[in-house]
Amino acid sequence: MTDARRFAPATERNREPILEVLRTWLPGAGTVLEIASGTGEHVVHFAVALPQLAFQPSDPDPANRDSIAAWITHAKVANVRMPLDLNATTSSWTLPEAPVAVLCINMIHISPWTATLGLMRNAAAVLTGGGILYLYGAFKRDGMHTAPSNVAFDESLRARDPAWGVRDLEAVLEAAAGAGLALAGITAMPANNFSVVLRRD
């Protein structure tokens, strides 16, 4: 039988630091929606560590959804639902229930700016007051890269697709504010990344 699981090397390196931040910000109960779940490695790791929460992964890529489903089966986690076909840029998300939080890890720089705008708009629409949107990834601060390695990373992204690239955090926060999401916290992470927590007004 073919194993549909995909593996992202960065996941094993960053999942524990991300989990520590999530422990601080996620509520004690409810459903957590993950946008652009990718391989599915993150969501099953978080689900095992946070059994009081239900996790709803999603991804627009059918191969990624197959990988997520395979990881759920492999990990034998009961608090992760099968992945939804969601795209950040769609006009609205159809969900089984309203989430208490939305997670989006390493998507903003590997997608066009319209995906960031759609993420903000849709997350604000599905979150109730006090709900959070958690972002993780590389960001510029005040228009400047935070490390030489991020300069090279940005160049490699733009070489793959001119619409991709490391975003200016201030531009992301401006888009969030326009959608009704206020900055609640920023945490510097390993490998020159950041955790950014936005809260629904």
N, C-alpha and C. Protein backbone atom coordinates (compact mmCIF):
# COMPACT_ATOMS: atom_id res chain seq x y z
N MET A 1 0.84 -1.19 0.00
CA MET A 1 0.00 0.00 0.00
C MET A 1 0.88 1.24 0.00
N THR A 2 0.59 2.19 -0.86
CA THR A 2 1.39 3.40 -0.98
C THR A 2 1.15 4.32 0.20
N ASP A 3 2.23 4.86 0.75
CA ASP A 3 2.14 5.81 1.86
C ASP A 3 2.06 7.21 1.26
N ALA A 4 0.93 7.89 1.46
CA ALA A 4 0.72 9.22 0.88
C ALA A 4 1.33 10.35 1.70
N ARG A 5 1.93 10.02 2.84
CA ARG A 5 2.49 11.06 3.69
C ARG A 5 3.63 11.80 2.99
N ARG A 6 3.58 13.13 3.09
CA ARG A 6 4.68 13.96 2.64
C ARG A 6 5.46 14.45 3.86
N PHE A 7 6.73 14.80 3.62
CA PHE A 7 7.60 15.23 4.71
C PHE A 7 8.24 16.57 4.35
N ALA A 8 8.18 17.53 5.28
CA ALA A 8 8.84 18.83 5.12
C ALA A 8 9.92 18.94 6.20
N PRO A 9 11.20 18.97 5.81
CA PRO A 9 12.28 18.98 6.81
C PRO A 9 12.16 20.09 7.84
N ALA A 10 11.67 21.26 7.42
CA ALA A 10 11.58 22.39 8.36
C ALA A 10 10.59 22.13 9.48
N THR A 11 9.61 21.26 9.22
CA THR A 11 8.57 21.02 10.22
C THR A 11 9.15 20.46 11.51
N GLU A 12 10.04 19.50 11.39
CA GLU A 12 10.62 18.88 12.58
C GLU A 12 11.43 19.90 13.39
N ARG A 13 12.02 20.88 12.70
CA ARG A 13 12.81 21.90 13.39
C ARG A 13 11.94 22.94 14.08
N ASN A 14 10.81 23.30 13.47
CA ASN A 14 10.06 24.44 14.02
C ASN A 14 8.82 24.07 14.81
N ARG A 15 8.41 22.81 14.81
CA ARG A 15 7.12 22.47 15.41
C ARG A 15 7.10 22.67 16.93
N GLU A 16 8.21 22.39 17.61
CA GLU A 16 8.22 22.57 19.07
C GLU A 16 8.22 24.06 19.46
N PRO A 17 9.06 24.90 18.83
CA PRO A 17 8.96 26.34 19.15
C PRO A 17 7.58 26.93 18.86
N ILE A 18 6.96 26.50 17.76
CA ILE A 18 5.60 26.98 17.44
C ILE A 18 4.62 26.50 18.51
N LEU A 19 4.73 25.24 18.89
CA LEU A 19 3.82 24.69 19.89
C LEU A 19 3.90 25.46 21.20
N GLU A 20 5.11 25.85 21.60
CA GLU A 20 5.24 26.61 22.85
C GLU A 20 4.51 27.94 22.78
N VAL A 21 4.53 28.59 21.63
CA VAL A 21 3.79 29.84 21.48
C VAL A 21 2.28 29.57 21.48
N LEU A 22 1.86 28.51 20.80
CA LEU A 22 0.44 28.18 20.75
C LEU A 22 -0.11 27.85 22.13
N ARG A 23 0.68 27.22 22.97
CA ARG A 23 0.22 26.92 24.34
C ARG A 23 -0.17 28.20 25.08
N THR A 24 0.53 29.28 24.77
CA THR A 24 0.26 30.56 25.43
C THR A 24 -1.04 31.19 24.93
N TRP A 25 -1.31 31.05 23.64
CA TRP A 25 -2.39 31.82 23.02
C TRP A 25 -3.68 31.07 22.75
N LEU A 26 -3.61 29.76 22.55
CA LEU A 26 -4.84 29.03 22.21
C LEU A 26 -5.72 28.85 23.43
N PRO A 27 -7.04 28.91 23.25
CA PRO A 27 -7.96 28.71 24.37
C PRO A 27 -7.98 27.25 24.82
N GLY A 28 -8.72 26.99 25.89
CA GLY A 28 -8.74 25.65 26.46
C GLY A 28 -9.65 24.67 25.76
N ALA A 29 -10.51 25.17 24.87
CA ALA A 29 -11.43 24.28 24.17
C ALA A 29 -11.86 24.94 22.87
N GLY A 30 -12.43 24.14 21.97
CA GLY A 30 -12.91 24.65 20.70
C GLY A 30 -12.18 24.04 19.52
N THR A 31 -12.53 24.53 18.33
CA THR A 31 -11.93 24.03 17.09
C THR A 31 -10.93 25.03 16.54
N VAL A 32 -9.78 24.52 16.15
CA VAL A 32 -8.71 25.33 15.56
C VAL A 32 -8.62 24.99 14.08
N LEU A 33 -8.81 25.97 13.24
CA LEU A 33 -8.72 25.80 11.79
C LEU A 33 -7.31 26.12 11.33
N GLU A 34 -6.72 25.21 10.56
CA GLU A 34 -5.41 25.49 9.96
C GLU A 34 -5.59 25.70 8.46
N ILE A 35 -5.07 26.81 7.98
CA ILE A 35 -5.09 27.13 6.55
C ILE A 35 -3.72 26.77 5.96
N ALA A 36 -3.75 26.18 4.76
CA ALA A 36 -2.50 25.76 4.08
C ALA A 36 -1.73 24.79 4.97
N SER A 37 -2.38 23.69 5.32
CA SER A 37 -1.78 22.71 6.23
C SER A 37 -0.59 21.97 5.63
N GLY A 38 -0.44 22.01 4.32
CA GLY A 38 0.73 21.40 3.69
C GLY A 38 0.77 19.90 3.89
N THR A 39 1.88 19.40 4.42
CA THR A 39 2.05 17.95 4.57
C THR A 39 1.11 17.35 5.62
N GLY A 40 0.72 18.15 6.62
CA GLY A 40 -0.10 17.65 7.72
C GLY A 40 0.69 17.31 8.95
N GLU A 41 2.02 17.45 8.90
CA GLU A 41 2.86 17.11 10.04
C GLU A 41 2.62 18.02 11.24
N HIS A 42 2.45 19.32 10.96
CA HIS A 42 2.22 20.26 12.06
C HIS A 42 0.94 19.93 12.81
N VAL A 43 -0.16 19.75 12.08
CA VAL A 43 -1.45 19.64 12.74
C VAL A 43 -1.54 18.40 13.61
N VAL A 44 -0.95 17.28 13.18
CA VAL A 44 -1.02 16.09 14.02
C VAL A 44 -0.12 16.25 15.25
N HIS A 45 0.99 16.95 15.11
CA HIS A 45 1.88 17.19 16.25
C HIS A 45 1.16 18.05 17.30
N PHE A 46 0.51 19.11 16.84
CA PHE A 46 -0.21 19.99 17.77
C PHE A 46 -1.38 19.25 18.42
N ALA A 47 -2.05 18.40 17.65
CA ALA A 47 -3.22 17.69 18.17
C ALA A 47 -2.83 16.72 19.28
N VAL A 48 -1.71 16.05 19.11
CA VAL A 48 -1.24 15.12 20.15
C VAL A 48 -0.92 15.89 21.43
N ALA A 49 -0.29 17.06 21.29
CA ALA A 49 0.12 17.85 22.45
C ALA A 49 -1.02 18.61 23.10
N LEU A 50 -2.09 18.88 22.33
CA LEU A 50 -3.21 19.69 22.83
C LEU A 50 -4.52 18.92 22.64
N PRO A 51 -4.70 17.83 23.39
CA PRO A 51 -5.86 16.96 23.15
C PRO A 51 -7.20 17.60 23.50
N GLN A 52 -7.19 18.72 24.23
CA GLN A 52 -8.44 19.38 24.60
C GLN A 52 -9.04 20.16 23.45
N LEU A 53 -8.28 20.35 22.38
CA LEU A 53 -8.73 21.10 21.21
C LEU A 53 -9.02 20.15 20.05
N ALA A 54 -9.93 20.57 19.18
CA ALA A 54 -10.18 19.86 17.92
C ALA A 54 -9.49 20.65 16.81
N PHE A 55 -8.89 19.96 15.87
CA PHE A 55 -8.16 20.62 14.79
C PHE A 55 -8.78 20.30 13.44
N GLN A 56 -8.97 21.35 12.65
CA GLN A 56 -9.52 21.21 11.30
C GLN A 56 -8.47 21.67 10.29
N PRO A 57 -7.71 20.74 9.69
CA PRO A 57 -6.75 21.13 8.67
C PRO A 57 -7.44 21.43 7.35
N SER A 58 -6.72 22.11 6.46
CA SER A 58 -7.24 22.40 5.12
C SER A 58 -6.08 22.67 4.18
N ASP A 59 -6.32 22.45 2.90
CA ASP A 59 -5.33 22.77 1.88
C ASP A 59 -6.00 22.69 0.51
N PRO A 60 -5.67 23.61 -0.41
CA PRO A 60 -6.27 23.54 -1.74
C PRO A 60 -5.65 22.48 -2.65
N ASP A 61 -4.51 21.92 -2.25
CA ASP A 61 -3.79 20.95 -3.08
C ASP A 61 -4.26 19.53 -2.74
N PRO A 62 -4.83 18.79 -3.71
CA PRO A 62 -5.31 17.43 -3.41
C PRO A 62 -4.23 16.50 -2.88
N ALA A 63 -3.00 16.62 -3.39
CA ALA A 63 -1.92 15.76 -2.90
C ALA A 63 -1.59 16.08 -1.45
N ASN A 64 -1.65 17.35 -1.08
CA ASN A 64 -1.44 17.71 0.32
C ASN A 64 -2.57 17.18 1.20
N ARG A 65 -3.80 17.26 0.72
CA ARG A 65 -4.91 16.72 1.51
C ARG A 65 -4.76 15.21 1.70
N ASP A 66 -4.26 14.51 0.69
CA ASP A 66 -3.99 13.08 0.84
C ASP A 66 -2.92 12.84 1.90
N SER A 67 -1.90 13.69 1.90
CA SER A 67 -0.83 13.57 2.89
C SER A 67 -1.35 13.84 4.29
N ILE A 68 -2.18 14.88 4.43
CA ILE A 68 -2.76 15.20 5.74
C ILE A 68 -3.58 14.03 6.26
N ALA A 69 -4.43 13.47 5.40
CA ALA A 69 -5.25 12.33 5.80
C ALA A 69 -4.39 11.14 6.21
N ALA A 70 -3.30 10.93 5.49
CA ALA A 70 -2.40 9.81 5.80
C ALA A 70 -1.71 10.04 7.14
N TRP A 71 -1.33 11.27 7.42
CA TRP A 71 -0.71 11.58 8.72
C TRP A 71 -1.69 11.39 9.86
N ILE A 72 -2.96 11.78 9.65
CA ILE A 72 -3.98 11.59 10.69
C ILE A 72 -4.13 10.11 11.01
N THR A 73 -4.19 9.29 9.96
CA THR A 73 -4.32 7.84 10.15
C THR A 73 -3.09 7.27 10.84
N HIS A 74 -1.92 7.70 10.39
CA HIS A 74 -0.66 7.20 10.94
C HIS A 74 -0.51 7.55 12.41
N ALA A 75 -0.88 8.79 12.78
CA ALA A 75 -0.71 9.26 14.16
C ALA A 75 -1.82 8.76 15.09
N LYS A 76 -2.90 8.23 14.49
CA LYS A 76 -4.03 7.72 15.29
C LYS A 76 -4.58 8.79 16.24
N VAL A 77 -4.72 10.01 15.72
CA VAL A 77 -5.24 11.10 16.53
C VAL A 77 -6.75 11.25 16.30
N ALA A 78 -7.49 11.31 17.40
CA ALA A 78 -8.95 11.38 17.30
C ALA A 78 -9.45 12.82 17.21
N ASN A 79 -8.59 13.80 17.52
CA ASN A 79 -9.04 15.19 17.57
C ASN A 79 -8.61 16.01 16.35
N VAL A 80 -8.33 15.31 15.24
CA VAL A 80 -8.06 15.99 13.97
C VAL A 80 -9.07 15.51 12.95
N ARG A 81 -9.77 16.43 12.34
CA ARG A 81 -10.77 16.09 11.32
C ARG A 81 -10.10 15.95 9.96
N MET A 82 -10.77 15.30 9.05
CA MET A 82 -10.24 15.16 7.70
C MET A 82 -10.13 16.55 7.04
N PRO A 83 -9.12 16.73 6.18
CA PRO A 83 -8.86 18.07 5.64
C PRO A 83 -9.94 18.59 4.70
N LEU A 84 -10.16 19.89 4.76
CA LEU A 84 -11.08 20.57 3.87
C LEU A 84 -10.33 21.15 2.68
N ASP A 85 -11.02 21.33 1.59
CA ASP A 85 -10.48 22.01 0.40
C ASP A 85 -10.79 23.50 0.53
N LEU A 86 -9.87 24.23 1.13
CA LEU A 86 -10.04 25.67 1.32
C LEU A 86 -8.89 26.42 0.68
N ASN A 87 -9.20 27.57 0.11
CA ASN A 87 -8.20 28.44 -0.50
C ASN A 87 -8.32 29.81 0.16
N ALA A 88 -7.21 30.39 0.54
CA ALA A 88 -7.23 31.69 1.23
C ALA A 88 -7.89 32.77 0.39
N THR A 89 -7.81 32.65 -0.93
CA THR A 89 -8.28 33.72 -1.80
C THR A 89 -9.76 33.64 -2.16
N THR A 90 -10.45 32.56 -1.76
CA THR A 90 -11.87 32.45 -2.12
C THR A 90 -12.68 33.52 -1.40
N SER A 91 -13.87 33.78 -1.93
CA SER A 91 -14.69 34.86 -1.39
C SER A 91 -15.16 34.58 0.03
N SER A 92 -15.36 33.31 0.37
CA SER A 92 -15.74 32.95 1.73
C SER A 92 -15.42 31.49 1.98
N TRP A 93 -15.23 31.14 3.25
CA TRP A 93 -14.96 29.77 3.64
C TRP A 93 -16.24 29.13 4.18
N THR A 94 -16.53 27.91 3.74
CA THR A 94 -17.64 27.14 4.28
C THR A 94 -17.07 26.14 5.27
N LEU A 95 -17.46 26.29 6.54
CA LEU A 95 -16.90 25.47 7.61
C LEU A 95 -17.99 24.73 8.36
N PRO A 96 -17.66 23.56 8.93
CA PRO A 96 -18.65 22.83 9.73
C PRO A 96 -19.05 23.60 10.99
N GLU A 97 -18.10 24.38 11.56
CA GLU A 97 -18.39 25.16 12.76
C GLU A 97 -17.39 26.31 12.85
N ALA A 98 -17.73 27.31 13.64
CA ALA A 98 -16.86 28.47 13.79
C ALA A 98 -15.63 28.11 14.62
N PRO A 99 -14.44 28.46 14.17
CA PRO A 99 -13.23 28.15 14.93
C PRO A 99 -12.97 29.20 16.02
N VAL A 100 -12.25 28.77 17.04
CA VAL A 100 -11.80 29.71 18.08
C VAL A 100 -10.47 30.33 17.70
N ALA A 101 -9.78 29.70 16.73
CA ALA A 101 -8.48 30.20 16.27
C ALA A 101 -8.23 29.70 14.86
N VAL A 102 -7.44 30.46 14.12
CA VAL A 102 -7.00 30.08 12.78
C VAL A 102 -5.48 30.10 12.77
N LEU A 103 -4.86 29.03 12.28
CA LEU A 103 -3.41 28.95 12.16
C LEU A 103 -3.01 29.02 10.69
N CYS A 104 -1.94 29.74 10.42
CA CYS A 104 -1.41 29.80 9.05
C CYS A 104 0.11 29.87 9.14
N ILE A 105 0.76 28.75 8.82
CA ILE A 105 2.20 28.60 9.00
C ILE A 105 2.89 28.54 7.64
N ASN A 106 3.84 29.45 7.44
CA ASN A 106 4.67 29.44 6.22
C ASN A 106 3.86 29.49 4.92
N MET A 107 2.80 30.29 4.91
CA MET A 107 2.05 30.46 3.67
C MET A 107 2.26 31.83 3.05
N ILE A 108 2.33 32.86 3.88
CA ILE A 108 2.27 34.24 3.37
C ILE A 108 3.39 34.53 2.37
N HIS A 109 4.58 34.00 2.61
CA HIS A 109 5.70 34.28 1.69
C HIS A 109 5.72 33.34 0.48
N ILE A 110 4.96 32.24 0.55
CA ILE A 110 4.94 31.28 -0.57
C ILE A 110 3.55 31.33 -1.22
N SER A 111 3.10 32.53 -1.50
CA SER A 111 1.80 32.74 -2.14
C SER A 111 1.73 34.19 -2.59
N PRO A 112 0.86 34.53 -3.51
CA PRO A 112 0.71 35.93 -3.92
C PRO A 112 0.09 36.76 -2.80
N TRP A 113 0.26 38.07 -2.88
CA TRP A 113 -0.26 38.97 -1.86
C TRP A 113 -1.78 38.83 -1.71
N THR A 114 -2.46 38.48 -2.79
CA THR A 114 -3.91 38.30 -2.71
C THR A 114 -4.29 37.21 -1.71
N ALA A 115 -3.41 36.23 -1.51
CA ALA A 115 -3.68 35.18 -0.53
C ALA A 115 -3.65 35.75 0.89
N THR A 116 -2.72 36.65 1.15
CA THR A 116 -2.67 37.29 2.47
C THR A 116 -3.93 38.11 2.72
N LEU A 117 -4.34 38.87 1.72
CA LEU A 117 -5.56 39.68 1.86
C LEU A 117 -6.78 38.79 2.08
N GLY A 118 -6.86 37.69 1.34
CA GLY A 118 -7.97 36.76 1.51
C GLY A 118 -7.94 36.08 2.86
N LEU A 119 -6.75 35.74 3.33
CA LEU A 119 -6.61 35.13 4.66
C LEU A 119 -7.16 36.06 5.72
N MET A 120 -6.78 37.33 5.67
CA MET A 120 -7.25 38.29 6.67
C MET A 120 -8.77 38.44 6.61
N ARG A 121 -9.29 38.59 5.41
CA ARG A 121 -10.73 38.80 5.24
C ARG A 121 -11.52 37.59 5.73
N ASN A 122 -11.11 36.40 5.32
CA ASN A 122 -11.86 35.20 5.68
C ASN A 122 -11.69 34.83 7.14
N ALA A 123 -10.48 35.00 7.69
CA ALA A 123 -10.27 34.69 9.10
C ALA A 123 -11.13 35.60 9.97
N ALA A 124 -11.16 36.88 9.62
CA ALA A 124 -11.98 37.83 10.39
C ALA A 124 -13.46 37.46 10.30
N ALA A 125 -13.88 36.91 9.17
CA ALA A 125 -15.29 36.56 8.98
C ALA A 125 -15.70 35.34 9.80
N VAL A 126 -14.79 34.37 9.97
CA VAL A 126 -15.16 33.14 10.66
C VAL A 126 -14.87 33.18 12.15
N LEU A 127 -13.99 34.07 12.59
CA LEU A 127 -13.67 34.17 14.01
C LEU A 127 -14.69 35.04 14.73
N THR A 128 -15.04 34.64 15.93
CA THR A 128 -15.88 35.49 16.77
C THR A 128 -14.97 36.43 17.57
N GLY A 129 -15.57 37.36 18.28
CA GLY A 129 -14.79 38.32 19.04
C GLY A 129 -13.83 37.64 20.01
N GLY A 130 -12.58 38.05 19.98
CA GLY A 130 -11.57 37.45 20.84
C GLY A 130 -10.82 36.30 20.21
N GLY A 131 -11.33 35.76 19.08
CA GLY A 131 -10.64 34.68 18.38
C GLY A 131 -9.33 35.17 17.79
N ILE A 132 -8.36 34.27 17.62
CA ILE A 132 -7.04 34.68 17.15
C ILE A 132 -6.69 34.07 15.79
N LEU A 133 -5.89 34.81 15.06
CA LEU A 133 -5.23 34.32 13.84
C LEU A 133 -3.75 34.28 14.16
N TYR A 134 -3.16 33.09 14.04
CA TYR A 134 -1.73 32.91 14.32
C TYR A 134 -0.97 32.76 13.00
N LEU A 135 0.05 33.57 12.82
CA LEU A 135 0.90 33.52 11.63
C LEU A 135 2.32 33.14 12.04
N TYR A 136 2.98 32.35 11.20
CA TYR A 136 4.39 32.01 11.43
C TYR A 136 5.12 32.09 10.11
N GLY A 137 6.31 32.67 10.15
CA GLY A 137 7.14 32.70 8.95
C GLY A 137 8.17 33.80 9.02
N ALA A 138 8.82 34.01 7.90
CA ALA A 138 9.82 35.08 7.78
C ALA A 138 9.12 36.38 7.39
N PHE A 139 9.54 37.49 7.99
CA PHE A 139 8.99 38.80 7.67
C PHE A 139 10.10 39.84 7.65
N LYS A 140 9.92 40.86 6.83
CA LYS A 140 10.75 42.05 6.92
C LYS A 140 10.18 42.94 8.01
N ARG A 141 11.05 43.73 8.64
CA ARG A 141 10.61 44.70 9.64
C ARG A 141 11.01 46.09 9.15
N ASP A 142 10.04 46.98 9.08
CA ASP A 142 10.29 48.34 8.58
C ASP A 142 10.97 48.32 7.21
N GLY A 143 10.55 47.37 6.37
CA GLY A 143 11.07 47.28 5.02
C GLY A 143 12.43 46.62 4.89
N MET A 144 13.00 46.16 5.99
CA MET A 144 14.35 45.58 5.98
C MET A 144 14.31 44.12 6.39
N HIS A 145 15.13 43.31 5.73
CA HIS A 145 15.27 41.91 6.14
C HIS A 145 15.96 41.85 7.51
N THR A 146 15.60 40.84 8.29
CA THR A 146 16.15 40.73 9.64
C THR A 146 17.44 39.91 9.71
N ALA A 147 17.83 39.29 8.60
CA ALA A 147 19.07 38.50 8.57
C ALA A 147 19.51 38.31 7.12
N PRO A 148 20.82 38.19 6.87
CA PRO A 148 21.30 37.95 5.50
C PRO A 148 20.69 36.69 4.88
N SER A 149 20.45 35.68 5.69
CA SER A 149 19.87 34.45 5.14
C SER A 149 18.47 34.69 4.58
N ASN A 150 17.75 35.65 5.16
CA ASN A 150 16.42 35.96 4.65
C ASN A 150 16.46 36.70 3.33
N VAL A 151 17.55 37.43 3.09
CA VAL A 151 17.74 38.09 1.79
C VAL A 151 17.83 37.02 0.70
N ALA A 152 18.66 36.01 0.96
CA ALA A 152 18.82 34.92 -0.01
C ALA A 152 17.53 34.12 -0.17
N PHE A 153 16.83 33.92 0.94
CA PHE A 153 15.56 33.20 0.90
C PHE A 153 14.54 33.96 0.06
N ASP A 154 14.46 35.25 0.26
CA ASP A 154 13.53 36.09 -0.50
C ASP A 154 13.85 36.03 -1.99
N GLU A 155 15.12 36.11 -2.33
CA GLU A 155 15.53 36.05 -3.73
C GLU A 155 15.16 34.71 -4.35
N SER A 156 15.32 33.62 -3.59
CA SER A 156 15.00 32.29 -4.12
C SER A 156 13.49 32.14 -4.34
N LEU A 157 12.70 32.73 -3.43
CA LEU A 157 11.24 32.68 -3.60
C LEU A 157 10.81 33.43 -4.85
N ARG A 158 11.33 34.64 -5.03
CA ARG A 158 10.94 35.47 -6.16
C ARG A 158 11.44 34.88 -7.49
N ALA A 159 12.53 34.11 -7.44
CA ALA A 159 13.01 33.44 -8.64
C ALA A 159 12.04 32.32 -9.06
N ARG A 160 11.42 31.69 -8.06
CA ARG A 160 10.45 30.63 -8.35
C ARG A 160 9.13 31.20 -8.85
N ASP A 161 8.73 32.33 -8.25
CA ASP A 161 7.47 32.99 -8.65
C ASP A 161 7.58 34.45 -8.25
N PRO A 162 7.53 35.38 -9.21
CA PRO A 162 7.65 36.81 -8.88
C PRO A 162 6.58 37.32 -7.93
N ALA A 163 5.46 36.60 -7.80
CA ALA A 163 4.38 37.02 -6.90
C ALA A 163 4.64 36.60 -5.46
N TRP A 164 5.66 35.75 -5.23
CA TRP A 164 6.00 35.31 -3.89
C TRP A 164 7.03 36.25 -3.28
N GLY A 165 7.36 36.03 -2.01
CA GLY A 165 8.43 36.79 -1.39
C GLY A 165 8.15 37.08 0.08
N VAL A 166 9.21 37.35 0.82
CA VAL A 166 9.10 37.71 2.24
C VAL A 166 8.39 39.06 2.35
N ARG A 167 7.32 39.10 3.13
CA ARG A 167 6.49 40.30 3.22
C ARG A 167 6.97 41.24 4.33
N ASP A 168 6.65 42.50 4.16
CA ASP A 168 6.90 43.50 5.18
C ASP A 168 5.83 43.30 6.26
N LEU A 169 6.26 43.07 7.50
CA LEU A 169 5.30 42.81 8.56
C LEU A 169 4.32 43.97 8.73
N GLU A 170 4.80 45.19 8.54
CA GLU A 170 3.93 46.35 8.71
C GLU A 170 2.80 46.34 7.67
N ALA A 171 3.08 45.86 6.46
CA ALA A 171 2.04 45.76 5.43
C ALA A 171 1.03 44.67 5.80
N VAL A 172 1.52 43.59 6.37
CA VAL A 172 0.63 42.50 6.81
C VAL A 172 -0.28 43.00 7.93
N LEU A 173 0.28 43.74 8.87
CA LEU A 173 -0.52 44.25 9.98
C LEU A 173 -1.54 45.28 9.51
N GLU A 174 -1.18 46.05 8.50
CA GLU A 174 -2.12 47.02 7.94
C GLU A 174 -3.30 46.29 7.28
N ALA A 175 -2.99 45.22 6.54
CA ALA A 175 -4.06 44.43 5.92
C ALA A 175 -4.94 43.79 6.98
N ALA A 176 -4.32 43.32 8.06
CA ALA A 176 -5.08 42.71 9.15
C ALA A 176 -6.02 43.72 9.79
N ALA A 177 -5.50 44.91 10.07
CA ALA A 177 -6.32 45.95 10.70
C ALA A 177 -7.50 46.32 9.83
N GLY A 178 -7.28 46.35 8.52
CA GLY A 178 -8.36 46.66 7.59
C GLY A 178 -9.48 45.64 7.62
N ALA A 179 -9.15 44.40 8.03
CA ALA A 179 -10.14 43.33 8.10
C ALA A 179 -10.76 43.20 9.49
N GLY A 180 -10.24 43.97 10.46
CA GLY A 180 -10.77 43.89 11.82
C GLY A 180 -9.98 43.00 12.74
N LEU A 181 -8.69 42.80 12.42
CA LEU A 181 -7.81 41.98 13.24
C LEU A 181 -6.71 42.86 13.82
N ALA A 182 -6.58 42.87 15.14
CA ALA A 182 -5.61 43.73 15.81
C ALA A 182 -4.42 42.92 16.29
N LEU A 183 -3.25 43.52 16.26
CA LEU A 183 -2.04 42.84 16.74
C LEU A 183 -2.15 42.58 18.24
N ALA A 184 -1.90 41.31 18.62
CA ALA A 184 -1.93 40.95 20.03
C ALA A 184 -0.54 40.59 20.56
N GLY A 185 0.35 40.14 19.67
CA GLY A 185 1.69 39.78 20.13
C GLY A 185 2.60 39.35 19.00
N ILE A 186 3.89 39.59 19.16
CA ILE A 186 4.92 39.15 18.21
C ILE A 186 6.02 38.45 19.01
N THR A 187 6.43 37.28 18.57
CA THR A 187 7.49 36.53 19.24
C THR A 187 8.57 36.19 18.22
N ALA A 188 9.81 36.56 18.51
CA ALA A 188 10.94 36.18 17.66
C ALA A 188 11.17 34.68 17.81
N MET A 189 11.36 34.00 16.69
CA MET A 189 11.49 32.55 16.68
C MET A 189 12.86 32.15 16.12
N PRO A 190 13.24 30.88 16.28
CA PRO A 190 14.51 30.42 15.69
C PRO A 190 14.54 30.61 14.18
N ALA A 191 15.73 30.63 13.62
CA ALA A 191 15.95 30.71 12.16
C ALA A 191 15.36 31.98 11.56
N ASN A 192 15.38 33.07 12.35
CA ASN A 192 14.97 34.40 11.86
C ASN A 192 13.51 34.45 11.40
N ASN A 193 12.66 33.71 12.09
CA ASN A 193 11.23 33.74 11.82
C ASN A 193 10.50 34.45 12.96
N PHE A 194 9.21 34.68 12.75
CA PHE A 194 8.40 35.33 13.78
C PHE A 194 7.06 34.61 13.92
N SER A 195 6.56 34.61 15.15
CA SER A 195 5.17 34.27 15.41
C SER A 195 4.41 35.57 15.59
N VAL A 196 3.30 35.71 14.88
CA VAL A 196 2.49 36.93 14.96
C VAL A 196 1.06 36.50 15.32
N VAL A 197 0.54 37.08 16.38
CA VAL A 197 -0.81 36.76 16.84
C VAL A 197 -1.70 37.97 16.64
N LEU A 198 -2.79 37.77 15.92
CA LEU A 198 -3.78 38.81 15.67
C LEU A 198 -5.08 38.39 16.34
N ARG A 199 -5.81 39.38 16.88
CA ARG A 199 -7.04 39.06 17.58
C ARG A 199 -8.23 39.76 16.91
N ARG A 200 -9.32 39.03 16.79
CA ARG A 200 -10.54 39.59 16.21
C ARG A 200 -11.11 40.63 17.17
N ASP A 201 -11.42 41.80 16.65
CA ASP A 201 -11.97 42.89 17.48
C ASP A 201 -13.29 42.46 18.09
